């Protein structure tokens, strides 16, 4: 009985460590995705401003 309890505790600790690793990876993925989205919006805004300024200066 004691051996089974010890094995369950080890299993629980391993599961908790795996969940922590998953949470770390998920956080990293979420931050990277947010950075890519911000970069895309910045590039779109820059291109839009370039087109507008070029059109105004050519008049």
Protein backbone atom coordinates (compact mmCIF):
# COMPACT_ATOMS: atom_id res chain seq x y z
CA UNK A 1 0.00 0.00 0.00
CA UNK A 2 2.79 2.40 0.92
CA UNK A 3 4.67 1.57 -2.29
CA UNK A 4 1.58 2.34 -4.36
CA UNK A 5 1.12 5.66 -2.57
CA UNK A 6 4.77 6.55 -3.18
CA UNK A 7 4.41 5.67 -6.85
CA UNK A 8 1.29 7.81 -7.14
CA UNK A 9 3.09 10.74 -5.51
CA UNK A 10 5.97 10.41 -7.98
CA UNK A 11 3.53 10.22 -10.84
CA UNK A 12 1.75 13.31 -9.59
CA UNK A 13 5.03 15.23 -9.30
CA UNK A 14 6.02 14.23 -12.84
CA UNK A 15 2.63 15.34 -14.13
CA UNK A 16 2.95 18.69 -12.37
CA UNK A 17 6.40 19.22 -13.91
CA UNK A 18 5.04 18.36 -17.35
CA UNK A 19 2.19 20.85 -16.91
CA UNK A 20 4.69 23.54 -15.91
CA UNK A 21 6.79 22.84 -19.02
CA UNK A 22 3.67 22.97 -21.19
CA UNK A 23 2.62 26.28 -19.61
CA UNK A 24 6.08 27.72 -20.29
CA UNK A 25 5.97 26.62 -23.92
CA UNK A 26 2.45 27.97 -24.33
CA UNK A 27 3.46 31.33 -22.85
CA UNK A 28 6.44 31.53 -25.21
CA UNK A 29 4.24 30.66 -28.19
CA UNK A 30 1.66 33.25 -27.16
CA UNK A 31 4.31 35.97 -26.81
CA UNK A 32 5.87 35.08 -30.16
CA UNK A 33 2.47 35.15 -31.85
CA UNK A 34 1.70 38.55 -30.32
CA UNK A 35 5.07 39.88 -31.54
CA UNK A 36 4.39 38.63 -35.09
CA UNK A 37 0.93 40.24 -35.12
CA UNK A 38 2.37 43.55 -33.90
CA UNK A 39 5.07 43.38 -36.55
CA UNK A 40 2.50 42.70 -39.27
CA UNK A 41 0.33 45.66 -38.21
CA UNK A 42 3.41 47.91 -38.07
CA UNK A 43 4.43 46.89 -41.57
CA UNK A 44 0.90 47.43 -42.91
CA UNK A 45 0.69 50.85 -41.25
CA UNK A 46 4.10 51.85 -42.61
CA UNK A 47 3.20 50.76 -46.13
CA UNK A 48 -0.13 52.60 -45.94
CA UNK A 49 1.54 55.81 -44.76
CA UNK A 50 4.16 55.52 -47.49
CA UNK A 51 1.48 55.20 -50.17
CA UNK A 52 -0.51 58.13 -48.77
CA UNK A 53 2.53 60.42 -48.40
CA UNK A 54 3.79 59.52 -51.86
CA UNK A 55 0.37 60.27 -53.38
CA UNK A 56 0.19 63.65 -51.60
CA UNK A 57 3.72 64.72 -52.58
CA UNK A 58 3.20 63.83 -56.26
CA UNK A 59 0.36 66.39 -56.60
